[in-house]
Protein backbone atom coordinates (compact mmCIF):
# COMPACT_ATOMS: atom_id res chain seq x y z
CA MET A 1 -13.47 -11.99 50.61
CA LYS A 2 -16.84 -12.90 52.09
CA ALA A 3 -17.92 -16.39 53.08
CA TYR A 4 -18.59 -17.45 49.49
CA ASP A 5 -17.83 -14.54 47.17
CA VAL A 6 -15.94 -11.28 46.78
CA ARG A 7 -17.79 -8.03 47.41
CA GLY A 8 -16.56 -4.45 47.81
CA VAL A 9 -16.67 -0.78 46.84
CA VAL A 10 -15.33 -0.05 43.36
CA GLY A 11 -12.07 1.89 43.42
CA VAL A 12 -11.55 1.17 47.11
CA ASP A 13 -11.83 -2.56 47.71
CA LEU A 14 -11.81 -3.55 44.05
CA THR A 15 -9.57 -2.15 41.31
CA GLU A 16 -8.56 -3.58 37.94
CA GLU A 17 -5.11 -4.34 39.37
CA ILE A 18 -6.63 -6.35 42.22
CA VAL A 19 -9.01 -8.11 39.86
CA ARG A 20 -6.19 -9.02 37.47
CA ALA A 21 -4.32 -10.65 40.36
CA LEU A 22 -7.49 -12.49 41.39
CA GLY A 23 -7.85 -13.83 37.84
CA ALA A 24 -4.34 -15.26 37.95
CA ALA A 25 -4.86 -16.70 41.43
CA PHE A 26 -8.17 -18.26 40.41
CA VAL A 27 -6.54 -20.17 37.54
CA ASP A 28 -3.85 -21.44 39.90
CA GLU A 29 -6.36 -22.60 42.50
CA VAL A 30 -8.70 -24.42 40.11
CA GLY A 31 -5.95 -25.85 37.93
CA ALA A 32 -7.15 -24.18 34.73
CA THR A 33 -3.73 -23.72 33.12
CA GLY A 34 -4.04 -25.18 29.63
CA GLY A 35 -7.80 -25.46 30.05
CA THR A 36 -10.82 -23.18 29.70
CA CYS A 37 -12.38 -20.78 32.16
CA VAL A 38 -15.53 -18.68 31.79
CA VAL A 39 -15.95 -15.00 32.62
CA GLY A 40 -19.27 -13.15 32.62
CA HIS A 41 -20.49 -9.85 33.96
CA ASP A 42 -23.59 -7.86 34.82
CA MET A 43 -24.65 -4.34 33.75
CA ARG A 44 -22.73 -2.32 36.38
CA GLU A 45 -20.48 0.36 34.89
CA SER A 46 -17.33 -1.23 36.32
CA SER A 47 -18.17 -4.80 35.30
CA PRO A 48 -16.85 -4.92 31.70
CA GLY A 49 -13.48 -3.49 32.73
CA PHE A 50 -13.21 -5.86 35.65
CA ALA A 51 -14.12 -8.84 33.47
CA ARG A 52 -11.44 -7.82 30.96
CA ALA A 53 -8.77 -7.41 33.69
CA PHE A 54 -9.69 -10.79 35.21
CA ALA A 55 -9.42 -12.45 31.79
CA GLU A 56 -5.98 -10.90 31.30
CA GLY A 57 -4.74 -12.26 34.63
CA ALA A 58 -6.24 -15.68 33.92
CA ALA A 59 -4.71 -15.84 30.42
CA ARG A 60 -1.28 -14.87 31.77
CA ARG A 61 -1.42 -18.00 33.92
CA GLY A 62 -2.25 -20.13 30.90
CA ALA A 63 -6.06 -20.38 30.86
CA ASN A 64 -8.07 -20.00 27.66
CA VAL A 65 -10.77 -17.55 28.66
CA SER A 66 -14.27 -17.61 27.17
CA VAL A 67 -15.82 -14.22 27.87
CA ILE A 68 -19.60 -14.58 27.68
CA GLY A 69 -20.23 -10.87 28.26
CA LEU A 70 -23.46 -9.50 29.70
CA CYS A 71 -25.27 -12.31 31.49
CA SER A 72 -27.10 -13.41 34.61
CA THR A 73 -25.19 -15.30 37.28
CA ASP A 74 -27.01 -18.51 36.41
CA GLU A 75 -25.83 -18.14 32.81
CA THR A 76 -22.27 -18.50 34.10
CA TYR A 77 -23.38 -21.59 36.01
CA PHE A 78 -24.84 -22.93 32.78
CA ALA A 79 -21.59 -22.35 30.91
CA SER A 80 -19.57 -23.81 33.80
CA GLY A 81 -21.76 -26.90 33.88
CA ALA A 82 -22.22 -27.44 30.16
CA TRP A 83 -18.52 -26.95 29.38
CA ASN A 84 -17.24 -28.43 32.66
CA ALA A 85 -15.13 -25.31 33.15
CA PRO A 86 -14.48 -23.01 36.13
CA ALA A 87 -16.22 -19.65 35.99
CA ALA A 88 -16.20 -16.15 37.44
CA MET A 89 -19.17 -13.78 37.41
CA PHE A 90 -18.75 -10.05 38.04
CA THR A 91 -21.72 -8.77 39.99
CA ALA A 92 -22.62 -7.33 43.35
CA SER A 93 -26.08 -8.85 43.04
CA HIS A 94 -28.54 -6.61 44.92
CA ASN A 95 -25.95 -4.28 46.45
CA PRO A 96 -25.97 -0.54 45.57
CA ALA A 97 -24.34 0.85 42.43
CA GLU A 98 -20.98 1.69 44.01
CA TYR A 99 -20.34 -2.00 44.75
CA ASN A 100 -19.13 -4.85 42.62
CA GLY A 101 -17.99 -8.38 43.31
CA ILE A 102 -17.11 -11.81 41.96
CA LYS A 103 -18.93 -15.13 42.28
CA PHE A 104 -16.61 -18.07 41.63
CA SER A 105 -17.40 -21.61 40.49
CA ARG A 106 -15.21 -24.63 40.02
CA ALA A 107 -15.79 -26.76 36.91
CA GLY A 108 -19.29 -28.15 36.76
CA ALA A 109 -20.74 -25.11 38.57
CA GLN A 110 -19.45 -26.35 41.92
CA GLY A 111 -19.47 -23.73 44.66
CA MET A 112 -16.48 -22.22 46.41
CA SER A 113 -16.25 -20.85 49.95
CA LEU A 114 -13.44 -19.54 52.13
CA GLU A 115 -12.83 -23.09 53.32
CA THR A 116 -12.88 -24.62 49.83
CA GLY A 117 -10.74 -22.25 47.78
CA LEU A 118 -11.52 -18.57 48.28
CA ALA A 119 -8.96 -18.12 51.06
CA ALA A 120 -6.30 -19.70 48.86
CA ILE A 121 -7.26 -17.39 45.96
CA ARG A 122 -6.99 -14.39 48.29
CA ASP A 123 -3.54 -15.40 49.50
CA ARG A 124 -2.23 -16.09 45.99
CA ALA A 125 -3.63 -12.76 44.74
CA LEU A 126 -1.89 -10.89 47.57
CA ALA A 127 1.39 -12.47 46.51
CA TYR A 128 0.84 -11.42 42.89
CA LEU A 129 0.00 -7.86 44.00
CA SER A 130 3.27 -7.60 45.90
CA GLY A 131 5.24 -8.68 42.83
CA ASP A 132 4.37 -9.63 39.25
CA ILE A 133 2.05 -12.18 37.70
CA ASP A 134 4.50 -14.68 36.26
CA ALA A 135 3.51 -15.83 32.79
CA VAL A 136 3.47 -19.55 32.09
CA GLY A 137 5.19 -20.99 29.01
CA HIS A 138 2.13 -20.62 26.80
CA GLU A 139 -0.24 -17.82 27.76
CA GLY A 140 -3.90 -18.51 27.18
CA GLU A 141 -6.16 -16.91 24.60
CA ILE A 142 -9.16 -14.68 25.29
CA SER A 143 -12.23 -15.16 23.11
CA GLU A 144 -15.87 -14.12 23.19
CA ARG A 145 -18.80 -16.50 23.15
CA ASP A 146 -22.57 -15.96 23.45
CA VAL A 147 -24.50 -18.52 25.51
CA LEU A 148 -27.92 -16.88 25.83
CA HIS A 149 -29.69 -19.03 23.21
CA ASP A 150 -28.24 -22.28 24.54
CA TYR A 151 -29.05 -21.28 28.13
CA ALA A 152 -32.65 -20.44 27.25
CA ALA A 153 -33.10 -23.64 25.25
CA TYR A 154 -31.70 -25.74 28.09
CA LEU A 155 -34.16 -24.26 30.60
CA ARG A 156 -37.06 -24.72 28.17
CA ALA A 157 -36.08 -28.40 27.92
CA LEU A 158 -36.24 -28.78 31.71
CA VAL A 159 -39.66 -27.14 32.17
CA ASP A 160 -42.19 -27.41 29.34
CA LEU A 161 -44.42 -24.33 29.35
CA THR A 162 -46.08 -24.98 25.99
CA PRO A 163 -49.21 -26.73 27.37
CA ILE A 164 -50.10 -24.17 30.08
CA ARG A 165 -53.15 -21.94 29.92
CA PRO A 166 -52.46 -18.38 28.69
CA LEU A 167 -50.91 -16.25 31.44
CA ARG A 168 -50.30 -12.52 31.76
CA ILE A 169 -47.26 -11.86 33.92
CA VAL A 170 -45.68 -8.64 35.10
CA VAL A 171 -41.92 -8.94 35.49
CA ASP A 172 -39.87 -6.39 37.43
CA ALA A 173 -36.24 -6.78 36.36
CA GLY A 174 -35.15 -3.89 38.59
CA ASN A 175 -32.88 -2.64 35.74
CA GLY A 176 -30.85 -5.81 36.29
CA MET A 177 -29.97 -8.81 34.17
CA GLY A 178 -33.52 -10.16 34.17
CA GLY A 179 -34.12 -7.54 31.48
CA LEU A 180 -31.91 -9.66 29.24
CA THR A 181 -32.82 -13.19 30.30
CA VAL A 182 -36.61 -12.95 30.70
CA PRO A 183 -37.29 -12.02 27.03
CA ALA A 184 -34.90 -14.79 25.96
CA VAL A 185 -36.32 -17.59 28.12
CA LEU A 186 -40.00 -16.68 28.41
CA GLY A 187 -40.25 -14.71 25.17
CA THR A 188 -38.79 -15.00 21.68
CA ALA A 189 -35.67 -12.79 21.96
CA ALA A 190 -33.34 -15.81 21.75
CA GLY A 191 -35.12 -17.19 18.70
CA LEU A 192 -37.20 -19.77 20.58
CA ALA A 193 -40.87 -20.53 19.92
CA GLU A 194 -43.53 -18.29 21.40
CA LEU A 195 -45.07 -19.45 24.69
CA PRO A 196 -48.65 -18.82 25.91
CA ILE A 197 -47.25 -16.06 28.13
CA GLU A 198 -47.76 -12.32 27.79
CA ILE A 199 -44.87 -10.49 29.44
CA LEU A 200 -45.64 -7.04 30.85
CA PRO A 201 -42.16 -5.57 31.41
CA LEU A 202 -41.17 -3.32 34.29
CA TYR A 203 -37.69 -1.76 34.40
CA PHE A 204 -36.12 -4.00 31.75
CA GLU A 205 -33.54 -1.35 30.75
CA LEU A 206 -30.10 -2.52 31.89
CA ASP A 207 -28.81 0.20 34.22
CA GLY A 208 -26.30 -0.46 37.00
CA THR A 209 -27.25 2.78 38.77
CA PHE A 210 -30.69 1.24 39.58
CA PRO A 211 -32.68 4.44 38.92
CA ASN A 212 -36.07 3.03 39.95
CA HIS A 213 -35.36 1.01 43.09
CA GLU A 214 -32.69 -1.27 44.51
CA ALA A 215 -32.59 -4.62 42.76
CA ASN A 216 -33.26 -6.43 46.03
CA PRO A 217 -36.75 -7.93 46.08
CA LEU A 218 -36.13 -9.33 49.57
CA GLU A 219 -36.91 -5.80 50.85
CA PRO A 220 -40.70 -5.23 50.75
CA ALA A 221 -40.27 -1.62 49.60
CA ASN A 222 -38.73 -2.87 46.35
CA LEU A 223 -41.85 -4.92 45.51
CA ILE A 224 -44.31 -2.03 45.70
CA ASP A 225 -44.14 -1.09 42.01
CA LEU A 226 -44.61 -4.72 40.97
CA GLN A 227 -47.53 -5.24 43.34
CA ARG A 228 -49.24 -2.12 42.05
CA GLU A 229 -48.68 -3.05 38.41
CA VAL A 230 -49.95 -6.62 38.80
CA VAL A 231 -53.25 -5.37 40.19
CA ALA A 232 -53.54 -2.50 37.69
CA GLN A 233 -52.90 -4.81 34.72
CA GLY A 234 -55.11 -7.61 35.99
CA ALA A 235 -52.15 -9.96 35.63
CA ASP A 236 -52.10 -13.56 36.80
CA VAL A 237 -48.80 -13.24 38.63
CA GLY A 238 -45.80 -10.98 39.14
CA LEU A 239 -42.12 -11.91 39.17
CA ALA A 240 -39.24 -9.82 40.57
CA PHE A 241 -35.57 -10.58 39.94
CA ASP A 242 -32.56 -9.27 41.78
CA GLY A 243 -29.65 -7.51 40.07
CA ASP A 244 -27.89 -10.59 38.69
CA ALA A 245 -31.19 -12.43 38.17
CA ASP A 246 -30.27 -15.52 40.16
CA ARG A 247 -33.13 -14.98 42.64
CA CYS A 248 -36.82 -14.68 41.83
CA PHE A 249 -39.66 -13.43 44.04
CA VAL A 250 -43.35 -13.95 43.33
CA VAL A 251 -46.43 -11.75 43.79
CA ASP A 252 -49.94 -13.14 43.37
CA GLU A 253 -52.78 -11.62 41.33
CA GLN A 254 -53.98 -9.71 44.39
CA GLY A 255 -50.60 -8.03 44.77
CA GLN A 256 -49.64 -10.12 47.82
CA ALA A 257 -46.06 -11.35 48.14
CA VAL A 258 -45.64 -15.13 48.12
CA SER A 259 -43.00 -16.24 50.61
CA PRO A 260 -39.88 -17.99 49.29
CA SER A 261 -40.79 -20.89 51.59
CA ALA A 262 -44.11 -21.30 49.76
CA ILE A 263 -42.29 -21.21 46.43
CA ALA A 264 -39.80 -23.80 47.71
CA ALA A 265 -42.68 -26.09 48.70
CA ILE A 266 -44.40 -25.69 45.31
CA VAL A 267 -41.23 -26.37 43.33
CA ALA A 268 -40.27 -29.27 45.62
CA LEU A 269 -43.59 -30.97 44.90
CA ARG A 270 -43.05 -30.64 41.17
CA GLU A 271 -39.46 -31.90 41.26
CA ILE A 272 -40.37 -34.86 43.47
CA ALA A 273 -43.23 -35.82 41.14
CA ARG A 274 -41.00 -35.45 38.09
CA VAL A 275 -38.24 -37.78 39.28
CA LYS A 276 -40.71 -40.29 40.74
CA ALA A 277 -42.40 -40.47 37.35
CA LEU A 278 -38.97 -41.40 35.95
CA GLY A 279 -38.69 -44.25 38.45
CA ALA A 280 -36.78 -42.70 41.35
CA ALA A 281 -37.43 -44.57 44.61
CA GLU A 282 -35.40 -42.49 47.08
CA VAL A 283 -35.75 -38.74 46.64
CA VAL A 284 -33.97 -36.12 48.74
CA VAL A 285 -34.82 -32.42 48.95
CA LEU A 286 -32.83 -29.80 50.86
CA HIS A 287 -34.17 -26.81 52.76
CA ASN A 288 -32.21 -24.43 54.93
CA LEU A 289 -32.92 -24.19 58.63
CA ILE A 290 -35.02 -21.02 58.47
CA THR A 291 -37.51 -22.02 55.82
CA SER A 292 -41.07 -22.54 57.03
CA ASN A 293 -42.13 -25.89 58.48
CA ILE A 294 -44.45 -26.22 55.49
CA VAL A 295 -41.43 -26.99 53.29
CA ALA A 296 -40.37 -30.11 55.19
CA GLU A 297 -44.01 -31.12 55.69
CA THR A 298 -44.65 -30.87 51.94
CA ILE A 299 -41.55 -32.90 51.12
CA VAL A 300 -42.56 -35.67 53.54
CA SER A 301 -46.17 -35.73 52.30
CA ALA A 302 -44.86 -36.25 48.76
CA GLY A 303 -42.89 -39.31 49.86
CA ALA A 304 -39.42 -37.74 49.81
CA THR A 305 -36.78 -37.10 52.47
CA PRO A 306 -36.11 -33.54 53.67
CA ILE A 307 -32.59 -32.62 54.78
CA ARG A 308 -32.12 -29.45 56.81
CA THR A 309 -28.99 -27.43 56.02
CA ARG A 310 -27.02 -24.40 57.06
CA VAL A 311 -27.80 -21.07 55.41
CA GLY A 312 -25.52 -20.18 52.53
CA HIS A 313 -24.88 -20.64 48.86
CA SER A 314 -21.73 -22.75 48.88
CA PHE A 315 -22.90 -24.90 51.80
CA ILE A 316 -26.07 -25.90 49.99
CA LYS A 317 -24.23 -26.53 46.73
CA ASP A 318 -21.91 -28.88 48.62
CA GLU A 319 -24.90 -30.67 50.16
CA MET A 320 -26.63 -30.94 46.78
CA ALA A 321 -23.55 -32.78 45.49
CA ARG A 322 -23.10 -34.93 48.59
CA THR A 323 -26.72 -36.07 48.89
CA GLY A 324 -27.78 -36.13 45.26
CA ALA A 325 -30.77 -33.98 46.22
CA VAL A 326 -33.14 -33.21 43.37
CA PHE A 327 -33.91 -29.70 44.67
CA GLY A 328 -32.97 -27.28 47.43
CA GLY A 329 -34.70 -24.13 48.69
CA GLU A 330 -33.64 -21.21 50.85
CA HIS A 331 -35.60 -18.51 52.67
CA SER A 332 -33.71 -15.92 50.59
CA ALA A 333 -35.24 -17.15 47.30
CA HIS A 334 -32.22 -19.12 46.15
CA TYR A 335 -33.45 -22.35 44.54
CA TYR A 336 -31.09 -25.18 43.57
CA PHE A 337 -31.68 -27.87 40.96
CA ARG A 338 -29.89 -31.18 40.43
CA GLU A 339 -30.50 -30.91 36.68
CA PHE A 340 -28.76 -27.54 36.76
CA TRP A 341 -25.56 -29.00 38.17
CA GLY A 342 -26.81 -28.44 41.72
CA ALA A 343 -26.59 -24.67 41.22
CA ASP A 344 -29.24 -22.06 41.96
CA ASN A 345 -31.42 -20.66 39.21
CA GLY A 346 -34.17 -18.11 39.84
CA MET A 347 -35.48 -18.38 36.29
CA LEU A 348 -35.92 -22.14 36.60
CA ALA A 349 -37.86 -21.63 39.83
CA ALA A 350 -40.06 -19.05 38.10
CA MET A 351 -40.72 -21.45 35.24
CA ASN A 352 -41.83 -24.14 37.68
CA VAL A 353 -44.23 -21.69 39.32
CA LEU A 354 -45.65 -20.68 35.93
CA ALA A 355 -46.02 -24.34 34.96
CA GLU A 356 -47.91 -25.13 38.17
CA LEU A 357 -50.09 -22.03 37.91
CA GLY A 358 -50.79 -22.61 34.22
CA ALA A 359 -51.73 -26.26 34.66
CA HIS A 360 -54.75 -25.53 36.86
CA PRO A 361 -57.51 -22.91 37.13
CA GLU A 362 -56.52 -22.11 40.74
CA PRO A 363 -55.16 -18.54 41.00
CA MET A 364 -51.76 -17.74 42.47
CA SER A 365 -53.43 -16.48 45.64
CA GLY A 366 -54.85 -19.98 46.16
CA LEU A 367 -51.38 -21.48 45.92
CA ARG A 368 -50.06 -18.82 48.28
CA GLU A 369 -52.69 -19.59 50.90
CA ARG A 370 -52.26 -23.34 50.58
CA PHE A 371 -48.51 -23.22 51.11
CA SER A 372 -48.44 -20.44 53.74
CA PRO A 373 -50.37 -21.88 56.70
CA TYR A 374 -48.09 -20.50 59.44
CA ALA A 375 -46.97 -17.10 60.72
CA LEU A 376 -43.45 -15.96 59.80
CA SER A 377 -41.59 -12.95 61.16
CA GLY A 378 -39.25 -12.51 58.23
CA GLU A 379 -35.58 -11.87 58.93
CA ILE A 380 -34.96 -9.13 61.51
CA ASN A 381 -31.43 -7.75 61.93
CA SER A 382 -30.17 -6.26 65.20
CA THR A 383 -26.81 -4.56 65.78
CA VAL A 384 -25.41 -5.72 69.09
CA ALA A 385 -22.44 -4.72 71.25
CA ASP A 386 -21.46 -8.32 72.04
CA VAL A 387 -22.81 -11.19 69.92
CA SER A 388 -21.86 -14.01 72.32
CA THR A 389 -23.37 -12.25 75.34
CA ALA A 390 -26.64 -11.59 73.51
CA LEU A 391 -26.84 -15.23 72.38
CA ALA A 392 -26.19 -16.41 75.94
CA ARG A 393 -29.08 -14.27 77.23
CA VAL A 394 -31.45 -15.77 74.68
CA ARG A 395 -30.29 -19.33 75.37
CA GLN A 396 -30.72 -18.94 79.13
CA ALA A 397 -34.19 -17.40 78.85
CA PHE A 398 -35.55 -20.23 76.69
CA SER A 399 -33.57 -23.24 77.94
CA SER A 400 -36.39 -24.55 80.13
CA ARG A 401 -39.11 -24.38 77.46
CA ALA A 402 -37.37 -25.22 74.21
CA VAL A 403 -35.05 -27.75 72.61
CA GLU A 404 -31.79 -26.22 71.44
CA ASP A 405 -30.29 -26.83 68.02
CA SER A 406 -26.85 -25.38 67.27
CA LEU A 407 -26.76 -25.90 63.50
CA ASP A 408 -25.71 -22.51 62.11
CA GLY A 409 -26.29 -20.27 65.11
CA LEU A 410 -28.91 -20.89 67.76
CA THR A 411 -32.29 -22.45 67.05
CA MET A 412 -34.82 -22.95 69.85
CA ILE A 413 -37.80 -25.24 69.18
CA GLY A 414 -40.62 -24.75 71.63
CA GLU A 415 -41.67 -27.70 73.78
CA VAL A 416 -45.44 -27.41 73.69
CA ALA A 417 -48.39 -29.64 74.42
CA SER A 418 -50.26 -31.19 71.50
CA ASP A 419 -53.08 -28.67 71.87
CA GLU A 420 -50.76 -25.66 72.05
CA PRO A 421 -49.47 -23.67 69.04
CA PHE A 422 -45.97 -24.64 67.92
CA TRP A 423 -43.14 -22.11 67.63
CA TRP A 424 -39.44 -21.94 66.87
CA PHE A 425 -36.87 -19.28 66.26
CA SER A 426 -33.37 -19.01 64.85
CA VAL A 427 -30.74 -16.45 65.81
CA ARG A 428 -27.67 -16.38 63.58
CA PRO A 429 -24.64 -14.09 63.79
CA SER A 430 -23.49 -12.29 60.66
CA ASN A 431 -20.18 -13.43 59.17
CA THR A 432 -18.97 -9.87 58.66
CA GLU A 433 -20.81 -7.47 61.00
CA PRO A 434 -21.82 -7.27 64.70
CA LEU A 435 -25.33 -8.35 63.76
CA LEU A 436 -27.75 -11.01 64.91
CA ARG A 437 -30.39 -12.21 62.46
CA LEU A 438 -33.69 -13.39 63.93
CA ASN A 439 -36.31 -15.55 62.21
CA VAL A 440 -39.45 -16.74 64.03
CA GLU A 441 -42.25 -19.07 62.96
CA ALA A 442 -45.34 -20.13 64.87
CA ALA A 443 -48.70 -21.76 64.29
CA ASP A 444 -50.47 -18.39 64.52
CA ASN A 445 -49.61 -14.72 64.37
CA ASP A 446 -50.24 -14.01 68.07
CA THR A 447 -47.78 -16.68 69.18
CA MET A 448 -45.22 -15.58 66.61
CA SER A 449 -45.48 -11.94 67.75
CA LEU A 450 -45.04 -12.86 71.42
CA ILE A 451 -41.94 -14.97 70.78
CA ARG A 452 -40.50 -12.42 68.35
CA ASP A 453 -40.88 -9.52 70.77
CA GLU A 454 -39.42 -11.47 73.70
CA VAL A 455 -36.35 -12.55 71.73
CA LEU A 456 -35.78 -9.07 70.30
CA THR A 457 -35.89 -7.57 73.80
CA LEU A 458 -33.22 -10.02 74.94
CA ILE A 459 -31.04 -9.44 71.87
CA ARG A 460 -31.23 -5.65 72.10
CA LYS A 461 -30.91 -5.31 75.87
CA ASP A 462 -27.45 -3.71 75.76
CA SER A 463 -27.77 -2.02 72.37
C-alpha cells in the first residue's frame, strides 16, 4: 500500500490470491454489499486476470460487479461518478512492465488514502489471506459493461471543440490507454461527430511492455519522439499521455515542452471564465505547493481565490470536495475538475488546451511563453543517508534569509527587496524511499541556478 494506491511487482507483491482478498476487503470497507462496484483495467498483461480475481472477491462479499474492461483511469472515475458506485482500476500508471497496481475510489469518484480507507482495506485483506473469504448470504453477480461512448460524450459536453479552427495534433499514447481514449474522444471511434482536429497517432498500439519508451511523459527523454514528430509534421501541438491516460503533457509547435504549471494556469482561466459566465460570484481554484507562482497569479488576476495544497492525488480530491473548487492543478500534470466529480482527467485538460488554442490565431508557443515567465528547476531527487538531518541543514542555512513554510515538507520563501529577484524552494521527503525531492523557482534562471545548487549541496553533503 502506498499513500493513495497499491503498487508492486507482479508475482511478488501482487498475485491473484492477494488481489482476490483485496476485492473482498474493498467491498467491506466501502459498504458495497448489495450494491454495485466498478472494476476496470489497463493493457498490462497481468491486468485482465487481476481484474477478474478482484471481481470474484468483491462478488463473494455481496457486491454486484460491473467490469468495464480495458479503460483509462479517468473512465473508472466517470463510471464511479455517473453511477455513484465505488471503483477499482488496475494499472501501474507509468511504472515499468513488471509492475501493476490498483487505484481505488469511493462512490462518486471520491479519493482514498491510507488515512481514509486504504489501511483498513490492507488489514482486512491480510485477515482474508490468513483464512477464507466468507461468502455473504447472497453473493453478487459479475457483468460486463462498456462505458467508452458515454465517457466520450460526457467530455464532449463539458468542452465544445466544434467551433475551433482546424488543428493538426500529434498524440503520443506511449502504447498506453490513450491509444483507446483519444480516437474515441477527439475522433470518431466512439460514434461521435467529427471534430476539426486531425490526429497524427504515435504509439497507439496497446502494449503493456512499452516497446517504444516508458509511458511517463514527466521524464524529458520520453517526450523526444513526440517533439521530433510535431516539428516534422508541422503540427499545431503535441500531446503525450501516461500509461493509464490520466495525465497529459503538452508540446508546442516548435517542439518545446509546456510546463504543467502553464497548462494549469491556462485551464484555470477557462474554468473561472466558464463558471463566472454562469453567475458564480465566489470561485476557488486549487494548486499544489510546487506549481509555479504564475498559477496563483493567474487565478487572482481572473478574480478567483487560489488555495495552496499538499502534493498528492487523494489530498487534492479531498480539498476539491471540501472547498467546492472548480479546478485544481498539480506540477505532475494531474488536473482536477469539479464537473468531473472533483477527479483528475488528463483528457479534459487536453480538450481545454485545444479549445483555447483553437479559439485564437496565437500559436501554442505564444501561450507557453505567456504562462511561463519564471525559471523552474523541475523536480530533482536525491538519495540521502538521513532525511531529517539533511532537512535540518537546509533549514539552518536559509533561516536568516527566508520565511519557512512547513506545509508538506519544507518550503523556504526568500525575503528579498522589491528590486531583487524572488525565489523559493520546496524540499519534500518521499513517503516510501530515503529520498528528498527538490523544486526551485525564481524570477530568472541565474537566481534559480544559484539557489538550486546551494540547496543540492546541503542535501547531498553526507551522501
